[in-house]
N, C-alpha and C. Protein backbone atom coordinates (compact mmCIF):
# COMPACT_ATOMS: atom_id res chain seq x y z
N MET A 1 -20.73 -16.56 -56.89
CA MET A 1 -20.89 -17.06 -55.54
C MET A 1 -19.92 -16.36 -54.58
N PHE A 2 -18.68 -16.15 -55.00
CA PHE A 2 -17.68 -15.53 -54.15
C PHE A 2 -18.16 -14.17 -53.66
N LYS A 3 -18.71 -13.36 -54.57
CA LYS A 3 -19.14 -12.01 -54.19
C LYS A 3 -20.38 -12.04 -53.29
N ASP A 4 -21.17 -13.12 -53.34
CA ASP A 4 -22.36 -13.23 -52.50
C ASP A 4 -22.03 -13.44 -51.03
N PHE A 5 -20.81 -13.83 -50.73
CA PHE A 5 -20.40 -14.10 -49.35
C PHE A 5 -19.32 -13.11 -48.89
N ALA A 6 -19.50 -11.85 -49.19
CA ALA A 6 -18.51 -10.82 -48.83
C ALA A 6 -18.27 -10.77 -47.32
N HIS A 7 -19.27 -11.11 -46.53
CA HIS A 7 -19.12 -11.10 -45.07
C HIS A 7 -18.15 -12.18 -44.59
N ARG A 8 -17.82 -13.17 -45.43
CA ARG A 8 -16.89 -14.23 -45.05
C ARG A 8 -15.51 -14.05 -45.66
N HIS A 9 -15.28 -12.98 -46.41
CA HIS A 9 -13.98 -12.75 -47.03
C HIS A 9 -12.93 -12.50 -45.95
N SER A 10 -11.80 -13.15 -46.10
CA SER A 10 -10.66 -12.97 -45.19
C SER A 10 -9.46 -12.51 -45.99
N PRO A 11 -8.75 -11.48 -45.51
CA PRO A 11 -7.55 -11.07 -46.23
C PRO A 11 -6.47 -12.15 -46.09
N CYS A 12 -5.69 -12.32 -47.15
CA CYS A 12 -4.61 -13.29 -47.15
C CYS A 12 -3.56 -12.83 -48.15
N THR A 13 -2.50 -13.59 -48.26
CA THR A 13 -1.53 -13.38 -49.34
C THR A 13 -1.38 -14.69 -50.09
N VAL A 14 -1.17 -14.59 -51.40
CA VAL A 14 -0.89 -15.75 -52.24
C VAL A 14 0.51 -15.53 -52.79
N ASN A 15 1.46 -16.33 -52.31
CA ASN A 15 2.88 -16.14 -52.66
C ASN A 15 3.32 -14.70 -52.41
N GLY A 16 2.85 -14.10 -51.32
CA GLY A 16 3.26 -12.76 -50.93
C GLY A 16 2.42 -11.64 -51.50
N GLU A 17 1.53 -11.92 -52.46
CA GLU A 17 0.67 -10.90 -53.06
C GLU A 17 -0.67 -10.85 -52.33
N PRO A 18 -1.18 -9.65 -51.99
CA PRO A 18 -2.46 -9.55 -51.26
C PRO A 18 -3.61 -10.15 -52.07
N ASP A 19 -4.52 -10.83 -51.37
CA ASP A 19 -5.67 -11.45 -52.00
C ASP A 19 -6.75 -11.60 -50.94
N VAL A 20 -7.88 -12.20 -51.30
CA VAL A 20 -8.99 -12.43 -50.39
C VAL A 20 -9.48 -13.87 -50.60
N VAL A 21 -9.80 -14.55 -49.50
CA VAL A 21 -10.24 -15.95 -49.58
C VAL A 21 -11.42 -16.18 -48.64
N ILE A 22 -12.26 -17.14 -49.00
CA ILE A 22 -13.26 -17.68 -48.08
C ILE A 22 -12.73 -19.05 -47.70
N LEU A 23 -12.38 -19.21 -46.43
CA LEU A 23 -11.72 -20.42 -45.95
C LEU A 23 -12.70 -21.24 -45.11
N SER A 24 -12.75 -22.54 -45.35
CA SER A 24 -13.60 -23.43 -44.55
C SER A 24 -12.90 -24.77 -44.38
N ARG A 25 -13.27 -25.48 -43.33
CA ARG A 25 -12.69 -26.81 -43.10
C ARG A 25 -13.31 -27.83 -44.05
N GLU A 26 -12.55 -28.87 -44.33
CA GLU A 26 -13.06 -29.99 -45.12
C GLU A 26 -14.11 -30.70 -44.27
N THR A 27 -15.36 -30.72 -44.71
CA THR A 27 -16.45 -31.19 -43.87
C THR A 27 -16.59 -32.71 -43.82
N LYS A 28 -16.07 -33.44 -44.80
CA LYS A 28 -16.26 -34.89 -44.84
C LYS A 28 -15.11 -35.65 -44.18
N ALA A 29 -14.24 -34.95 -43.50
CA ALA A 29 -13.06 -35.58 -42.92
C ALA A 29 -13.44 -36.53 -41.78
N THR A 30 -12.75 -37.67 -41.73
CA THR A 30 -12.98 -38.63 -40.66
C THR A 30 -11.71 -38.92 -39.87
N THR A 31 -10.57 -38.39 -40.32
CA THR A 31 -9.30 -38.62 -39.62
C THR A 31 -8.83 -37.31 -38.99
N VAL A 32 -7.90 -37.42 -38.07
CA VAL A 32 -7.35 -36.23 -37.44
C VAL A 32 -6.67 -35.35 -38.49
N ILE A 33 -5.94 -35.97 -39.42
CA ILE A 33 -5.29 -35.21 -40.49
C ILE A 33 -6.34 -34.43 -41.27
N GLY A 34 -7.41 -35.10 -41.64
CA GLY A 34 -8.46 -34.45 -42.41
C GLY A 34 -9.15 -33.35 -41.64
N LYS A 35 -9.41 -33.58 -40.37
CA LYS A 35 -10.11 -32.58 -39.56
C LYS A 35 -9.23 -31.38 -39.23
N GLU A 36 -7.95 -31.60 -39.01
CA GLU A 36 -7.07 -30.51 -38.58
C GLU A 36 -6.36 -29.79 -39.72
N TYR A 37 -6.00 -30.50 -40.78
CA TYR A 37 -5.13 -29.91 -41.79
C TYR A 37 -5.77 -29.65 -43.15
N MET A 38 -6.90 -30.27 -43.44
CA MET A 38 -7.51 -30.11 -44.76
C MET A 38 -8.53 -28.97 -44.76
N TYR A 39 -8.39 -28.05 -45.73
CA TYR A 39 -9.27 -26.89 -45.83
C TYR A 39 -9.73 -26.72 -47.28
N ASN A 40 -10.83 -25.99 -47.43
CA ASN A 40 -11.30 -25.56 -48.74
C ASN A 40 -11.14 -24.05 -48.80
N GLY A 41 -10.74 -23.55 -49.94
CA GLY A 41 -10.60 -22.11 -50.13
C GLY A 41 -11.30 -21.69 -51.40
N LEU A 42 -12.04 -20.61 -51.32
CA LEU A 42 -12.72 -20.07 -52.49
C LEU A 42 -12.15 -18.69 -52.78
N PHE A 43 -11.62 -18.53 -53.98
CA PHE A 43 -11.02 -17.27 -54.42
C PHE A 43 -11.85 -16.69 -55.56
N SER A 44 -11.74 -15.40 -55.77
CA SER A 44 -12.48 -14.77 -56.87
C SER A 44 -11.88 -15.20 -58.21
N SER A 45 -12.62 -14.96 -59.26
CA SER A 45 -12.15 -15.31 -60.60
C SER A 45 -10.92 -14.49 -61.00
N LYS A 46 -10.72 -13.35 -60.37
CA LYS A 46 -9.59 -12.48 -60.68
C LYS A 46 -8.30 -12.86 -59.93
N SER A 47 -8.41 -13.78 -58.98
CA SER A 47 -7.26 -14.18 -58.17
C SER A 47 -6.22 -14.87 -59.04
N SER A 48 -4.96 -14.71 -58.66
CA SER A 48 -3.86 -15.35 -59.39
C SER A 48 -3.50 -16.72 -58.80
N VAL A 49 -4.28 -17.22 -57.85
CA VAL A 49 -3.97 -18.47 -57.17
C VAL A 49 -3.92 -19.64 -58.16
N LYS A 50 -2.96 -20.57 -57.91
CA LYS A 50 -2.82 -21.77 -58.73
C LYS A 50 -2.27 -22.89 -57.85
N PRO A 51 -2.37 -24.14 -58.29
CA PRO A 51 -1.84 -25.24 -57.49
C PRO A 51 -0.35 -25.04 -57.19
N GLY A 52 0.04 -25.36 -55.95
CA GLY A 52 1.42 -25.22 -55.54
C GLY A 52 1.72 -23.90 -54.83
N ASP A 53 0.79 -22.94 -54.85
CA ASP A 53 1.02 -21.65 -54.19
C ASP A 53 0.93 -21.79 -52.68
N ILE A 54 1.52 -20.82 -51.98
CA ILE A 54 1.39 -20.74 -50.52
C ILE A 54 0.41 -19.61 -50.21
N VAL A 55 -0.64 -19.95 -49.47
CA VAL A 55 -1.64 -18.98 -49.02
C VAL A 55 -1.39 -18.75 -47.54
N ARG A 56 -1.27 -17.47 -47.14
CA ARG A 56 -1.02 -17.15 -45.73
C ARG A 56 -2.07 -16.19 -45.21
N ASN A 57 -2.58 -16.49 -44.03
CA ASN A 57 -3.31 -15.54 -43.21
C ASN A 57 -2.69 -15.70 -41.84
N GLU A 58 -3.41 -16.11 -40.81
CA GLU A 58 -2.75 -16.38 -39.53
C GLU A 58 -2.00 -17.71 -39.58
N SER A 59 -2.27 -18.54 -40.57
CA SER A 59 -1.57 -19.81 -40.81
C SER A 59 -1.11 -19.84 -42.27
N SER A 60 -0.34 -20.87 -42.61
CA SER A 60 0.11 -21.05 -44.00
C SER A 60 -0.52 -22.32 -44.55
N TYR A 61 -0.87 -22.28 -45.85
CA TYR A 61 -1.51 -23.41 -46.51
C TYR A 61 -0.86 -23.61 -47.88
N LEU A 62 -0.77 -24.86 -48.31
CA LEU A 62 -0.34 -25.18 -49.67
C LEU A 62 -1.57 -25.50 -50.50
N VAL A 63 -1.65 -24.95 -51.71
CA VAL A 63 -2.77 -25.22 -52.61
C VAL A 63 -2.50 -26.55 -53.31
N GLN A 64 -3.34 -27.57 -53.01
CA GLN A 64 -3.15 -28.89 -53.61
C GLN A 64 -3.87 -29.01 -54.95
N THR A 65 -5.11 -28.54 -55.00
CA THR A 65 -5.89 -28.65 -56.24
C THR A 65 -6.65 -27.36 -56.47
N LEU A 66 -7.08 -27.15 -57.71
CA LEU A 66 -7.87 -25.97 -58.06
C LEU A 66 -8.88 -26.37 -59.12
N ARG A 67 -10.12 -25.99 -58.89
CA ARG A 67 -11.20 -26.20 -59.86
C ARG A 67 -11.93 -24.89 -60.01
N THR A 68 -12.36 -24.57 -61.21
CA THR A 68 -13.17 -23.36 -61.39
C THR A 68 -14.64 -23.74 -61.27
N THR A 69 -15.41 -22.86 -60.62
CA THR A 69 -16.84 -23.08 -60.46
C THR A 69 -17.56 -22.61 -61.72
N THR A 70 -18.86 -22.81 -61.76
CA THR A 70 -19.64 -22.37 -62.93
C THR A 70 -19.60 -20.85 -63.08
N GLU A 71 -19.33 -20.15 -61.97
CA GLU A 71 -19.23 -18.69 -62.03
C GLU A 71 -17.79 -18.22 -62.19
N LYS A 72 -16.89 -19.15 -62.52
CA LYS A 72 -15.46 -18.90 -62.77
C LYS A 72 -14.67 -18.54 -61.51
N ASP A 73 -15.27 -18.73 -60.31
CA ASP A 73 -14.51 -18.57 -59.08
C ASP A 73 -13.54 -19.74 -58.98
N LYS A 74 -12.51 -19.61 -58.15
CA LYS A 74 -11.48 -20.64 -58.02
C LYS A 74 -11.66 -21.35 -56.68
N TYR A 75 -12.02 -22.63 -56.75
CA TYR A 75 -12.28 -23.46 -55.59
C TYR A 75 -11.07 -24.36 -55.38
N CYS A 76 -10.42 -24.26 -54.22
CA CYS A 76 -9.15 -24.96 -53.99
C CYS A 76 -9.22 -25.89 -52.79
N SER A 77 -8.45 -26.97 -52.86
CA SER A 77 -8.17 -27.80 -51.70
C SER A 77 -6.84 -27.33 -51.14
N LEU A 78 -6.83 -27.03 -49.85
CA LEU A 78 -5.63 -26.51 -49.19
C LEU A 78 -5.22 -27.47 -48.08
N ILE A 79 -3.92 -27.55 -47.84
CA ILE A 79 -3.43 -28.32 -46.70
C ILE A 79 -2.60 -27.37 -45.83
N LYS A 80 -2.92 -27.35 -44.55
CA LYS A 80 -2.25 -26.46 -43.60
C LYS A 80 -0.83 -26.96 -43.35
N THR A 81 0.14 -26.07 -43.44
CA THR A 81 1.53 -26.47 -43.21
C THR A 81 1.75 -26.67 -41.71
N ASN A 82 2.68 -27.58 -41.38
CA ASN A 82 2.92 -27.87 -39.97
C ASN A 82 4.40 -28.01 -39.63
N ALA A 83 5.28 -27.71 -40.58
CA ALA A 83 6.71 -27.89 -40.31
C ALA A 83 7.55 -26.86 -41.07
N LEU A 84 8.68 -26.51 -40.46
CA LEU A 84 9.73 -25.73 -41.11
C LEU A 84 10.92 -26.66 -41.26
N ILE A 85 11.45 -26.75 -42.47
CA ILE A 85 12.56 -27.68 -42.70
C ILE A 85 13.75 -26.94 -43.29
N GLU A 86 14.87 -27.64 -43.28
CA GLU A 86 16.09 -27.17 -43.96
C GLU A 86 16.54 -28.28 -44.89
N VAL A 87 16.94 -27.91 -46.11
CA VAL A 87 17.46 -28.88 -47.09
C VAL A 87 18.98 -28.73 -47.10
N GLN A 88 19.67 -29.86 -46.95
CA GLN A 88 21.14 -29.85 -46.98
C GLN A 88 21.63 -30.77 -48.09
N ARG A 89 22.75 -30.40 -48.69
CA ARG A 89 23.35 -31.18 -49.77
C ARG A 89 24.82 -31.44 -49.45
N TYR A 90 25.27 -32.67 -49.76
CA TYR A 90 26.66 -33.05 -49.54
C TYR A 90 27.49 -32.45 -50.66
N GLN A 91 28.34 -31.48 -50.31
CA GLN A 91 29.11 -30.76 -51.33
C GLN A 91 30.54 -30.53 -50.89
N GLN A 92 31.38 -30.37 -51.89
CA GLN A 92 32.78 -30.04 -51.67
C GLN A 92 32.96 -28.54 -51.91
N ALA A 93 33.67 -27.87 -51.01
CA ALA A 93 33.98 -26.44 -51.20
C ALA A 93 35.26 -26.32 -52.03
N TYR A 94 35.31 -25.29 -52.89
CA TYR A 94 36.47 -25.05 -53.75
C TYR A 94 36.95 -23.62 -53.59
N ASP A 95 38.28 -23.42 -53.81
CA ASP A 95 38.82 -22.05 -53.75
C ASP A 95 38.70 -21.40 -55.13
N ALA A 96 39.28 -20.20 -55.28
CA ALA A 96 39.18 -19.44 -56.53
C ALA A 96 39.83 -20.17 -57.71
N ASN A 97 40.76 -21.09 -57.45
CA ASN A 97 41.43 -21.84 -58.51
C ASN A 97 40.84 -23.23 -58.71
N ASP A 98 39.65 -23.46 -58.20
CA ASP A 98 38.95 -24.73 -58.30
C ASP A 98 39.68 -25.89 -57.62
N ASN A 99 40.40 -25.58 -56.56
CA ASN A 99 41.05 -26.61 -55.75
C ASN A 99 40.14 -26.94 -54.56
N PRO A 100 39.98 -28.22 -54.24
CA PRO A 100 39.12 -28.57 -53.10
C PRO A 100 39.67 -27.98 -51.80
N VAL A 101 38.75 -27.48 -50.97
CA VAL A 101 39.11 -26.91 -49.68
C VAL A 101 38.44 -27.75 -48.60
N GLY A 102 39.23 -28.41 -47.76
CA GLY A 102 38.67 -29.24 -46.68
C GLY A 102 37.97 -30.47 -47.22
N ASP A 103 37.20 -31.09 -46.34
CA ASP A 103 36.44 -32.28 -46.70
C ASP A 103 35.04 -31.89 -47.17
N ALA A 104 34.46 -32.74 -48.00
CA ALA A 104 33.07 -32.51 -48.41
C ALA A 104 32.18 -32.65 -47.17
N GLU A 105 31.13 -31.82 -47.12
CA GLU A 105 30.22 -31.85 -45.97
C GLU A 105 28.82 -31.41 -46.40
N PHE A 106 27.86 -31.66 -45.52
CA PHE A 106 26.49 -31.22 -45.80
C PHE A 106 26.39 -29.72 -45.56
N THR A 107 25.93 -28.99 -46.58
CA THR A 107 25.74 -27.55 -46.47
C THR A 107 24.28 -27.21 -46.80
N SER A 108 23.79 -26.16 -46.20
CA SER A 108 22.40 -25.77 -46.38
C SER A 108 22.17 -25.19 -47.78
N VAL A 109 21.14 -25.68 -48.47
CA VAL A 109 20.76 -25.13 -49.78
C VAL A 109 19.41 -24.43 -49.71
N ALA A 110 18.62 -24.69 -48.66
CA ALA A 110 17.34 -24.00 -48.44
C ALA A 110 17.00 -24.12 -46.96
N ALA A 111 16.63 -22.99 -46.35
CA ALA A 111 16.30 -22.98 -44.93
C ALA A 111 14.92 -22.35 -44.72
N ASP A 112 14.31 -22.67 -43.59
CA ASP A 112 12.99 -22.14 -43.22
C ASP A 112 11.94 -22.37 -44.31
N VAL A 113 11.92 -23.57 -44.85
CA VAL A 113 10.97 -23.95 -45.90
C VAL A 113 9.70 -24.46 -45.22
N VAL A 114 8.56 -23.84 -45.53
CA VAL A 114 7.29 -24.32 -44.95
C VAL A 114 6.79 -25.50 -45.76
N CYS A 115 6.27 -26.50 -45.05
CA CYS A 115 5.77 -27.70 -45.73
C CYS A 115 4.78 -28.41 -44.83
N PHE A 116 4.16 -29.44 -45.38
CA PHE A 116 3.31 -30.33 -44.60
C PHE A 116 4.07 -31.63 -44.42
N ALA A 117 4.35 -31.99 -43.16
CA ALA A 117 5.06 -33.23 -42.85
C ALA A 117 4.08 -34.19 -42.20
N GLN A 118 4.17 -35.47 -42.60
CA GLN A 118 3.29 -36.49 -42.05
C GLN A 118 4.11 -37.69 -41.65
N TYR A 119 3.94 -38.12 -40.40
CA TYR A 119 4.61 -39.32 -39.90
C TYR A 119 3.94 -40.54 -40.53
N VAL A 120 4.72 -41.49 -40.97
CA VAL A 120 4.19 -42.68 -41.65
C VAL A 120 3.81 -43.73 -40.61
N THR A 121 2.53 -44.07 -40.62
CA THR A 121 1.99 -45.10 -39.72
C THR A 121 1.57 -46.31 -40.55
N ALA A 122 1.20 -47.39 -39.87
CA ALA A 122 0.73 -48.59 -40.58
C ALA A 122 -0.52 -48.27 -41.39
N GLN A 123 -1.39 -47.42 -40.85
CA GLN A 123 -2.61 -47.05 -41.56
C GLN A 123 -2.28 -46.28 -42.84
N LEU A 124 -1.31 -45.37 -42.77
CA LEU A 124 -0.92 -44.62 -43.96
C LEU A 124 -0.30 -45.56 -45.01
N ARG A 125 0.44 -46.55 -44.57
CA ARG A 125 1.01 -47.52 -45.51
C ARG A 125 -0.08 -48.28 -46.27
N GLN A 126 -1.21 -48.55 -45.62
CA GLN A 126 -2.33 -49.21 -46.28
C GLN A 126 -2.99 -48.29 -47.29
N GLN A 127 -3.08 -46.99 -46.95
CA GLN A 127 -3.74 -46.03 -47.83
C GLN A 127 -2.87 -45.63 -49.01
N GLU A 128 -1.55 -45.64 -48.82
CA GLU A 128 -0.62 -45.25 -49.87
C GLU A 128 0.38 -46.37 -50.11
N PRO A 129 0.06 -47.30 -51.00
CA PRO A 129 0.92 -48.47 -51.21
C PRO A 129 2.28 -48.15 -51.83
N GLY A 130 2.50 -46.95 -52.33
CA GLY A 130 3.77 -46.61 -52.95
C GLY A 130 4.87 -46.20 -51.99
N LEU A 131 4.60 -46.27 -50.69
CA LEU A 131 5.62 -45.88 -49.71
C LEU A 131 6.68 -46.96 -49.58
N LEU A 132 7.93 -46.53 -49.48
CA LEU A 132 9.03 -47.47 -49.27
C LEU A 132 8.97 -48.04 -47.85
N PRO A 133 9.48 -49.24 -47.64
CA PRO A 133 9.48 -49.82 -46.28
C PRO A 133 10.26 -48.98 -45.27
N SER A 134 11.26 -48.22 -45.75
CA SER A 134 12.11 -47.42 -44.85
C SER A 134 11.55 -46.02 -44.59
N THR A 135 10.49 -45.61 -45.26
CA THR A 135 9.98 -44.25 -45.13
C THR A 135 9.38 -44.01 -43.75
N VAL A 136 9.84 -42.92 -43.08
CA VAL A 136 9.30 -42.55 -41.77
C VAL A 136 8.49 -41.25 -41.83
N PHE A 137 8.77 -40.38 -42.79
CA PHE A 137 8.02 -39.14 -42.99
C PHE A 137 7.77 -38.92 -44.47
N THR A 138 6.63 -38.27 -44.77
CA THR A 138 6.41 -37.76 -46.12
C THR A 138 6.24 -36.25 -45.99
N LEU A 139 6.67 -35.54 -47.01
CA LEU A 139 6.56 -34.07 -47.04
C LEU A 139 5.83 -33.65 -48.30
N GLN A 140 5.09 -32.56 -48.19
CA GLN A 140 4.57 -31.86 -49.36
C GLN A 140 5.14 -30.46 -49.29
N LEU A 141 5.77 -30.01 -50.37
CA LEU A 141 6.35 -28.68 -50.42
C LEU A 141 6.37 -28.17 -51.85
N GLN A 142 6.66 -26.89 -51.99
CA GLN A 142 6.64 -26.26 -53.31
C GLN A 142 7.76 -26.80 -54.19
N THR A 143 7.50 -26.82 -55.50
CA THR A 143 8.51 -27.28 -56.46
C THR A 143 9.67 -26.31 -56.58
N THR A 144 9.52 -25.09 -56.08
CA THR A 144 10.61 -24.11 -56.14
C THR A 144 11.73 -24.44 -55.15
N VAL A 145 11.47 -25.35 -54.21
CA VAL A 145 12.49 -25.76 -53.23
C VAL A 145 13.44 -26.74 -53.92
N ASP A 146 14.74 -26.51 -53.76
CA ASP A 146 15.76 -27.31 -54.43
C ASP A 146 16.02 -28.61 -53.67
N VAL A 147 15.12 -29.59 -53.83
CA VAL A 147 15.31 -30.94 -53.30
C VAL A 147 15.50 -31.83 -54.50
N ARG A 148 16.61 -32.55 -54.54
CA ARG A 148 16.91 -33.37 -55.72
C ARG A 148 16.63 -34.84 -55.46
N ASP A 149 16.23 -35.50 -56.54
CA ASP A 149 15.98 -36.94 -56.51
C ASP A 149 17.31 -37.66 -56.24
N PRO A 150 17.32 -38.67 -55.39
CA PRO A 150 18.56 -39.39 -55.08
C PRO A 150 19.25 -39.99 -56.31
N GLN A 151 18.49 -40.24 -57.39
CA GLN A 151 19.09 -40.79 -58.61
C GLN A 151 19.77 -39.72 -59.46
N ASP A 152 19.70 -38.46 -59.07
CA ASP A 152 20.35 -37.37 -59.81
C ASP A 152 21.85 -37.64 -59.88
N SER A 153 22.39 -37.71 -61.10
CA SER A 153 23.80 -38.07 -61.28
C SER A 153 24.77 -37.01 -60.75
N SER A 154 24.29 -35.78 -60.54
CA SER A 154 25.19 -34.73 -60.03
C SER A 154 25.40 -34.82 -58.52
N LEU A 155 24.64 -35.69 -57.84
CA LEU A 155 24.77 -35.84 -56.39
C LEU A 155 25.76 -36.95 -56.05
N SER A 156 26.59 -36.68 -55.04
CA SER A 156 27.47 -37.74 -54.55
C SER A 156 26.82 -38.51 -53.40
N ALA A 157 25.78 -37.91 -52.80
CA ALA A 157 24.99 -38.56 -51.74
C ALA A 157 23.59 -37.94 -51.77
N PRO A 158 22.56 -38.69 -51.36
CA PRO A 158 21.22 -38.13 -51.35
C PRO A 158 21.13 -36.90 -50.44
N ASP A 159 20.22 -35.98 -50.79
CA ASP A 159 20.01 -34.79 -49.97
C ASP A 159 19.56 -35.19 -48.57
N ARG A 160 19.72 -34.25 -47.65
CA ARG A 160 19.33 -34.44 -46.25
C ARG A 160 18.31 -33.37 -45.90
N ILE A 161 17.28 -33.74 -45.13
CA ILE A 161 16.28 -32.80 -44.64
C ILE A 161 16.38 -32.76 -43.12
N VAL A 162 16.38 -31.54 -42.56
CA VAL A 162 16.41 -31.38 -41.11
C VAL A 162 15.03 -30.92 -40.65
N ILE A 163 14.42 -31.71 -39.77
CA ILE A 163 13.11 -31.39 -39.19
C ILE A 163 13.29 -31.38 -37.67
N GLY A 164 13.09 -30.23 -37.07
CA GLY A 164 13.19 -30.14 -35.61
C GLY A 164 14.53 -30.59 -35.07
N GLY A 165 15.61 -30.31 -35.79
CA GLY A 165 16.95 -30.68 -35.34
C GLY A 165 17.35 -32.10 -35.66
N LYS A 166 16.45 -32.93 -36.17
CA LYS A 166 16.77 -34.32 -36.52
C LYS A 166 16.92 -34.44 -38.03
N THR A 167 17.88 -35.25 -38.48
CA THR A 167 18.16 -35.36 -39.90
C THR A 167 17.52 -36.59 -40.52
N TYR A 168 17.06 -36.43 -41.77
CA TYR A 168 16.43 -37.50 -42.54
C TYR A 168 17.01 -37.50 -43.94
N GLN A 169 17.10 -38.68 -44.53
CA GLN A 169 17.61 -38.84 -45.89
C GLN A 169 16.47 -38.81 -46.89
N VAL A 170 16.66 -38.09 -48.00
CA VAL A 170 15.67 -38.05 -49.08
C VAL A 170 15.80 -39.34 -49.89
N ASP A 171 14.69 -40.11 -49.96
CA ASP A 171 14.69 -41.37 -50.70
C ASP A 171 13.92 -41.26 -52.01
N VAL A 172 12.85 -40.47 -52.04
CA VAL A 172 12.02 -40.32 -53.23
C VAL A 172 11.56 -38.88 -53.34
N VAL A 173 11.64 -38.32 -54.54
CA VAL A 173 11.07 -37.00 -54.83
C VAL A 173 10.08 -37.20 -55.97
N ASP A 174 8.78 -37.18 -55.64
CA ASP A 174 7.71 -37.40 -56.60
C ASP A 174 7.17 -36.05 -57.06
N ARG A 175 7.35 -35.73 -58.35
CA ARG A 175 6.89 -34.47 -58.92
C ARG A 175 5.53 -34.60 -59.61
N ILE A 176 4.95 -35.79 -59.60
CA ILE A 176 3.72 -36.04 -60.35
C ILE A 176 2.48 -36.14 -59.46
N LYS A 177 2.62 -36.64 -58.25
CA LYS A 177 1.47 -36.92 -57.39
C LYS A 177 0.56 -35.71 -57.18
N TYR A 178 1.15 -34.54 -56.91
CA TYR A 178 0.38 -33.31 -56.71
C TYR A 178 0.85 -32.27 -57.72
N PRO A 179 -0.08 -31.54 -58.36
CA PRO A 179 0.34 -30.54 -59.33
C PRO A 179 1.11 -29.40 -58.67
N ASN A 180 2.29 -29.11 -59.17
CA ASN A 180 3.15 -28.03 -58.68
C ASN A 180 3.59 -28.19 -57.22
N LEU A 181 3.55 -29.40 -56.70
CA LEU A 181 4.06 -29.70 -55.36
C LEU A 181 4.95 -30.93 -55.43
N LEU A 182 5.93 -30.98 -54.55
CA LEU A 182 6.77 -32.16 -54.42
C LEU A 182 6.22 -33.04 -53.31
N HIS A 183 6.22 -34.35 -53.52
CA HIS A 183 5.88 -35.32 -52.48
C HIS A 183 7.17 -36.08 -52.21
N VAL A 184 7.75 -35.87 -51.03
CA VAL A 184 9.08 -36.39 -50.71
C VAL A 184 8.96 -37.44 -49.61
N GLN A 185 9.65 -38.58 -49.82
CA GLN A 185 9.71 -39.62 -48.80
C GLN A 185 11.07 -39.56 -48.11
N LEU A 186 11.04 -39.62 -46.77
CA LEU A 186 12.26 -39.51 -45.98
C LEU A 186 12.44 -40.76 -45.11
N SER A 187 13.71 -41.16 -44.97
CA SER A 187 14.03 -42.26 -44.06
C SER A 187 15.01 -41.73 -43.02
N GLU A 188 15.26 -42.51 -41.98
CA GLU A 188 16.22 -42.13 -40.95
C GLU A 188 17.58 -41.93 -41.61
N ASP A 189 18.27 -40.84 -41.26
CA ASP A 189 19.59 -40.57 -41.83
C ASP A 189 20.65 -41.16 -40.91
N ARG A 190 21.34 -42.18 -41.38
CA ARG A 190 22.35 -42.86 -40.56
C ARG A 190 23.76 -42.56 -41.06
N ARG A 191 23.93 -41.44 -41.76
CA ARG A 191 25.26 -41.10 -42.27
C ARG A 191 26.04 -40.30 -41.26
């Protein structure tokens, strides 16, 4: 099927590697999120695309799911990214002799990370009952981004995410909800 629609092939990159995709909007969408951010992508059987990859053309997309067709083409659900974030961690700086230098502070561990950010509304709370009462944003991002679960014993304080200059505290890092993607819940950072 992929080769039958050569006139619809669009050049793209998958994690920086050149590829070709047939991109279309999710047709059954009834919400603004569904109409604006949800896409379908069809890749050839030879493509290296897999869940969690970033597909770029004039926009960036995260691959949420992948199914192979009867002709072995790769049919994907994609979500268009809408935010650049920075991940910060509360850390102590040390000198060459392992002596603490200054006070512990939030330092950047990842910058310019593309992701899909969604503001939590009452309607979203009804659709996703696993959201914490304090959650104001949810993020979807690649598992390669170093965001740690707040229960991680190596952390002295939960990680911080910066979106548009405003800081949020990481409350939940779900590695199971989406294959090869993190689903992160954020609350207002009052530290």
